Amino acid sequence: MFEKVKNLLVEELRVDPEVVTPEAELANDLGVNSLELADLILLCEEKFNVTIDDDDLHTFITVNDVVNYLNEKTPA
């Protein structure tokens, strides 16, 4: 799942692949702003066929937060 999220960040949001690690913070380390975060959420919902609750957005601090959330929401 990490590689899938990393690919979305790199391909869709033009984030440098060298800086995308599980511990990287979306805003502070990767420079993802609130609009780009919204784009990332929409892309994840489409690609992984999940619904991400708006109330959960504040929990997405690091790349790993997104990965863990998607792992919990996607069917095995």
C-alpha atoms as a PDB file:
ATOM      1  CA  MET A   1       0.000   0.000   0.000  1.00  0.00           C
ATOM      2  CA  PHE A   2       2.897   2.366   0.727  1.00  0.00           C
ATOM      3  CA  GLU A   3       4.153   2.083  -2.860  1.00  0.00           C
ATOM      4  CA  LYS A   4       0.661   2.823  -4.206  1.00  0.00           C
ATOM      5  CA  VAL A   5       0.304   5.936  -2.056  1.00  0.00           C
ATOM      6  CA  LYS A   6       3.849   7.012  -2.930  1.00  0.00           C
ATOM      7  CA  ASN A   7       3.047   6.658  -6.638  1.00  0.00           C
ATOM      8  CA  LEU A   8      -0.028   8.857  -6.226  1.00  0.00           C
ATOM      9  CA  LEU A   9       2.037  11.516  -4.462  1.00  0.00           C
ATOM     10  CA  VAL A  10       4.777  11.412  -7.085  1.00  0.00           C
ATOM     11  CA  GLU A  11       2.649  11.113 -10.223  1.00  0.00           C
ATOM     12  CA  GLU A  12      -0.353  13.242  -9.304  1.00  0.00           C
ATOM     13  CA  LEU A  13       1.069  15.824  -6.887  1.00  0.00           C
ATOM     14  CA  ARG A  14       4.589  15.963  -8.352  1.00  0.00           C
ATOM     15  CA  VAL A  15       6.293  15.197  -5.040  1.00  0.00           C
ATOM     16  CA  ASP A  16       9.972  14.250  -5.263  1.00  0.00           C
ATOM     17  CA  PRO A  17      10.124  10.441  -4.894  1.00  0.00           C
ATOM     18  CA  GLU A  18      13.368  10.722  -2.905  1.00  0.00           C
ATOM     19  CA  VAL A  19      11.598  12.424   0.008  1.00  0.00           C
ATOM     20  CA  VAL A  20       8.541  10.157   0.201  1.00  0.00           C
ATOM     21  CA  THR A  21       9.042   7.861   3.186  1.00  0.00           C
ATOM     22  CA  PRO A  22       6.487   6.370   5.564  1.00  0.00           C
ATOM     23  CA  GLU A  23       7.544   8.885   8.226  1.00  0.00           C
ATOM     24  CA  ALA A  24       7.458  11.922   5.914  1.00  0.00           C
ATOM     25  CA  GLU A  25       4.924  14.536   6.980  1.00  0.00           C
ATOM     26  CA  LEU A  26       2.582  15.486   4.157  1.00  0.00           C
ATOM     27  CA  ALA A  27       2.684  19.231   4.832  1.00  0.00           C
ATOM     28  CA  ASN A  28       6.051  19.832   6.479  1.00  0.00           C
ATOM     29  CA  ASP A  29       8.248  17.397   4.546  1.00  0.00           C
ATOM     30  CA  LEU A  30       6.429  16.995   1.228  1.00  0.00           C
ATOM     31  CA  GLY A  31       4.919  20.464   0.902  1.00  0.00           C
ATOM     32  CA  VAL A  32       1.376  19.164   0.392  1.00  0.00           C
ATOM     33  CA  ASN A  33      -1.093  22.006   0.941  1.00  0.00           C
ATOM     34  CA  SER A  34      -4.749  21.652   1.899  1.00  0.00           C
ATOM     35  CA  LEU A  35      -5.928  21.678  -1.721  1.00  0.00           C
ATOM     36  CA  GLU A  36      -3.444  18.987  -2.685  1.00  0.00           C
ATOM     37  CA  LEU A  37      -4.483  16.951   0.346  1.00  0.00           C
ATOM     38  CA  ALA A  38      -8.076  17.135  -0.885  1.00  0.00           C
ATOM     39  CA  ASP A  39      -6.883  15.937  -4.315  1.00  0.00           C
ATOM     40  CA  LEU A  40      -4.964  13.090  -2.704  1.00  0.00           C
ATOM     41  CA  ILE A  41      -8.053  12.038  -0.743  1.00  0.00           C
ATOM     42  CA  LEU A  42     -10.197  12.024  -3.894  1.00  0.00           C
ATOM     43  CA  LEU A  43      -7.572  10.014  -5.757  1.00  0.00           C
ATOM     44  CA  CYS A  44      -7.363   7.489  -2.922  1.00  0.00           C
ATOM     45  CA  GLU A  45     -11.147   7.173  -2.816  1.00  0.00           C
ATOM     46  CA  GLU A  46     -11.246   6.505  -6.567  1.00  0.00           C
ATOM     47  CA  LYS A  47      -8.246   4.220  -6.772  1.00  0.00           C
ATOM     48  CA  PHE A  48      -8.974   2.125  -3.675  1.00  0.00           C
ATOM     49  CA  ASN A  49     -12.782   2.293  -3.795  1.00  0.00           C
ATOM     50  CA  VAL A  50     -13.123   3.637  -0.260  1.00  0.00           C
ATOM     51  CA  THR A  51     -14.912   6.556   1.340  1.00  0.00           C
ATOM     52  CA  ILE A  52     -12.722   8.724   3.523  1.00  0.00           C
ATOM     53  CA  ASP A  53     -14.677  10.538   6.194  1.00  0.00           C
ATOM     54  CA  ASP A  54     -13.999  14.285   6.410  1.00  0.00           C
ATOM     55  CA  ASP A  55     -13.636  13.873  10.175  1.00  0.00           C
ATOM     56  CA  ASP A  56     -10.620  11.615   9.569  1.00  0.00           C
ATOM     57  CA  LEU A  57      -8.640  14.101   7.472  1.00  0.00           C
ATOM     58  CA  HIS A  58      -6.963  15.664  10.516  1.00  0.00           C
ATOM     59  CA  THR A  59      -5.341  12.273  11.233  1.00  0.00           C
ATOM     60  CA  PHE A  60      -3.375  12.347   7.983  1.00  0.00           C
ATOM     61  CA  ILE A  61      -0.084  13.834   9.161  1.00  0.00           C
ATOM     62  CA  THR A  62       2.426  11.392   7.679  1.00  0.00           C
ATOM     63  CA  VAL A  63       2.415   9.199   4.595  1.00  0.00           C
ATOM     64  CA  ASN A  64       2.124   6.218   6.939  1.00  0.00           C
ATOM     65  CA  ASP A  65      -1.093   7.675   8.419  1.00  0.00           C
ATOM     66  CA  VAL A  66      -2.665   7.540   4.950  1.00  0.00           C
ATOM     67  CA  VAL A  67      -1.287   4.039   4.323  1.00  0.00           C
ATOM     68  CA  ASN A  68      -2.591   2.697   7.644  1.00  0.00           C
ATOM     69  CA  TYR A  69      -6.010   4.270   7.101  1.00  0.00           C
ATOM     70  CA  LEU A  70      -6.305   2.748   3.643  1.00  0.00           C
ATOM     71  CA  ASN A  71      -5.150  -0.648   4.923  1.00  0.00           C
ATOM     72  CA  GLU A  72      -7.962  -0.563   7.468  1.00  0.00           C
ATOM     73  CA  LYS A  73     -10.608   0.573   4.966  1.00  0.00           C
ATOM     74  CA  THR A  74      -9.794  -1.549   1.948  1.00  0.00           C
ATOM     75  CA  PRO A  75     -11.062  -5.104   1.741  1.00  0.00           C
ATOM     76  CA  ALA A  76      -8.336  -7.726   1.956  1.00  0.00           C
END
